[in-house]
Protein backbone atom coordinates (compact mmCIF):
# COMPACT_ATOMS: atom_id res chain seq x y z
CA MET A 1 -152.71 -46.89 -18.64
CA ILE A 2 -154.74 -47.16 -21.88
CA SER A 3 -158.46 -47.49 -21.41
CA LEU A 4 -160.43 -49.39 -24.01
CA HIS A 5 -164.02 -48.42 -24.53
CA LEU A 6 -165.82 -51.11 -26.43
CA PRO A 7 -169.28 -50.42 -27.86
CA SER A 8 -172.31 -52.01 -26.21
CA THR A 9 -174.83 -51.98 -29.04
CA ALA A 10 -175.08 -54.15 -32.07
CA LEU A 11 -174.66 -51.17 -34.36
CA GLY A 12 -171.66 -49.94 -32.28
CA ILE A 13 -170.02 -53.38 -32.52
CA LEU A 14 -170.57 -53.44 -36.29
CA VAL A 15 -169.09 -49.99 -36.79
CA TYR A 16 -166.20 -50.98 -34.55
CA LEU A 17 -165.46 -54.16 -36.60
CA VAL A 18 -165.76 -52.30 -39.87
CA GLY A 19 -163.32 -49.71 -38.54
CA LEU A 20 -160.86 -52.42 -37.57
CA VAL A 21 -161.05 -54.00 -41.08
CA ILE A 22 -160.50 -50.60 -42.69
CA LEU A 23 -157.53 -49.98 -40.40
CA TRP A 24 -156.23 -53.48 -41.30
CA VAL A 25 -156.37 -52.64 -45.01
CA ILE A 26 -154.72 -49.23 -44.52
CA VAL A 27 -151.88 -50.66 -42.48
CA SER A 28 -151.34 -53.43 -45.06
CA ILE A 29 -150.77 -50.91 -47.87
CA PRO A 30 -147.23 -49.92 -46.79
CA VAL A 31 -146.48 -53.55 -46.00
CA TYR A 32 -147.57 -54.50 -49.52
CA PHE A 33 -145.26 -51.95 -51.15
CA ALA A 34 -142.39 -52.93 -48.91
CA GLY A 35 -142.96 -56.59 -49.72
CA LYS A 36 -143.02 -55.89 -53.44
CA ALA A 37 -139.80 -53.96 -53.15
CA VAL A 38 -137.94 -56.45 -51.09
CA THR A 39 -139.13 -59.63 -52.85
CA GLY A 40 -138.69 -58.31 -56.35
CA GLY A 41 -142.45 -58.17 -57.01
CA LYS A 42 -143.11 -61.76 -55.95
CA SER A 43 -145.58 -60.86 -53.19
CA ASP A 44 -149.23 -59.75 -53.36
CA PHE A 45 -151.66 -57.82 -51.20
CA GLY A 46 -152.90 -61.10 -49.59
CA ASP A 47 -149.34 -61.73 -48.32
CA ALA A 48 -149.33 -58.24 -46.80
CA MET A 49 -152.79 -58.62 -45.15
CA GLY A 50 -151.81 -62.04 -43.80
CA ALA A 51 -148.52 -60.64 -42.42
CA THR A 52 -150.21 -57.71 -40.68
CA LEU A 53 -152.99 -59.76 -39.16
CA GLY A 54 -150.91 -62.83 -38.31
CA GLY A 55 -148.03 -60.72 -36.97
CA ALA A 56 -150.32 -58.70 -34.73
CA ILE A 57 -152.06 -61.76 -33.39
CA GLY A 58 -148.85 -63.76 -32.89
CA TYR A 59 -147.23 -60.79 -31.16
CA LEU A 60 -150.08 -60.23 -28.75
CA VAL A 61 -150.56 -63.88 -27.88
CA VAL A 62 -146.84 -64.55 -27.30
CA LEU A 63 -146.49 -61.27 -25.23
CA PHE A 64 -149.46 -62.12 -23.09
CA VAL A 65 -148.69 -65.80 -22.52
CA VAL A 66 -144.99 -65.40 -21.86
CA SER A 67 -145.51 -62.34 -19.58
CA TYR A 68 -148.26 -64.09 -17.67
CA PHE A 69 -146.73 -67.54 -17.15
CA LEU A 70 -143.09 -66.64 -17.01
CA GLY A 71 -143.83 -63.61 -14.86
CA ALA A 72 -144.85 -65.96 -12.04
CA VAL A 73 -141.53 -67.71 -12.32
CA ILE A 74 -138.92 -65.03 -12.89
CA GLY A 75 -140.77 -61.84 -12.01
CA ASP A 76 -140.68 -58.47 -13.73
CA SER A 77 -137.89 -59.35 -16.16
CA ALA A 78 -140.38 -61.67 -17.88
CA GLY A 79 -141.86 -58.57 -19.60
CA ALA A 80 -138.61 -57.80 -21.43
CA PHE A 81 -138.14 -61.42 -22.45
CA ALA A 82 -141.80 -61.53 -23.68
CA VAL A 83 -141.23 -58.47 -25.87
CA VAL A 84 -138.14 -59.99 -27.44
CA LEU A 85 -139.81 -63.29 -28.08
CA ALA A 86 -142.96 -61.60 -29.40
CA LEU A 87 -140.85 -59.55 -31.87
CA ILE A 88 -139.18 -62.71 -33.08
CA VAL A 89 -142.62 -64.28 -33.64
CA TRP A 90 -143.78 -61.24 -35.43
CA LEU A 91 -140.79 -61.40 -37.77
CA ALA A 92 -141.33 -65.12 -38.26
CA VAL A 93 -144.88 -64.44 -39.43
CA PHE A 94 -143.60 -61.82 -41.94
CA ARG A 95 -140.86 -64.23 -43.05
CA ALA A 96 -143.46 -67.00 -43.62
CA SER A 97 -146.04 -64.67 -45.21
CA PHE A 98 -143.57 -63.33 -47.78
CA ARG A 99 -141.61 -66.65 -48.12
CA THR A 100 -138.28 -64.88 -47.52
CA SER A 101 -135.24 -64.85 -45.35
CA TRP A 102 -134.95 -63.29 -41.83
CA LEU A 103 -132.95 -60.37 -43.16
CA ARG A 104 -135.44 -59.71 -45.93
CA ALA A 105 -138.28 -59.92 -43.33
CA ILE A 106 -136.51 -57.28 -41.32
CA ALA A 107 -136.02 -55.17 -44.40
CA ILE A 108 -139.82 -55.46 -45.18
CA VAL A 109 -140.64 -54.32 -41.67
CA LEU A 110 -138.29 -51.33 -41.71
CA LEU A 111 -139.35 -50.28 -45.23
CA SER A 112 -143.01 -50.60 -44.19
CA TRP A 113 -142.40 -48.07 -41.43
CA VAL A 114 -140.81 -45.67 -43.91
CA PHE A 115 -143.74 -46.04 -46.29
CA LEU A 116 -146.23 -45.61 -43.37
CA LEU A 117 -144.49 -42.41 -42.34
CA ILE A 118 -144.69 -41.07 -45.92
CA LEU A 119 -148.33 -42.20 -46.11
CA SER A 120 -149.04 -40.39 -42.81
CA PHE A 121 -147.50 -37.16 -44.11
CA ILE A 122 -149.46 -37.35 -47.42
CA VAL A 123 -152.81 -38.06 -45.75
CA GLY A 124 -152.11 -35.31 -43.21
CA ALA A 125 -151.25 -32.79 -45.95
CA LEU A 126 -154.25 -33.66 -48.11
CA PHE A 127 -156.96 -34.20 -45.51
CA GLY A 128 -155.59 -32.64 -42.30
CA ILE A 129 -155.67 -35.90 -40.41
CA SER A 130 -152.91 -38.16 -39.25
CA PHE A 131 -152.37 -41.52 -37.63
CA PRO A 132 -152.71 -41.23 -33.84
CA ASP A 133 -149.44 -41.09 -31.87
CA PHE A 134 -147.98 -43.78 -34.06
CA PHE A 135 -144.45 -42.48 -34.31
CA PRO A 136 -142.12 -41.59 -31.45
CA PHE A 137 -141.40 -38.08 -32.90
């Protein structure tokens, strides 16, 4: 189980929020480049930031709501259904943010992962740091 340690002081909360915004910007960079590549240059960084924020929020809300409410009705299998539905919502947000088709939204997501992997290797080589346990290998 993952434990979440939230700060308890005003300064700690401020640092935490600034860190989240910085992380949001960093994660949006590969999405931006993938969006540019897939849409033929018709997307901008705002599209990428909207997709990453909206996709994450949509995914978490759907995952929680479906798991919670449907879990009471159908049991443990609600979790698997919730994940599938949450992924569809996440893709729908990418599709709407980049004003593209479902297949192109999937391509943006997959290409974003490739760009994030490359970015992780570059940052690791230059600064000796890497993204925490982000990849399954």
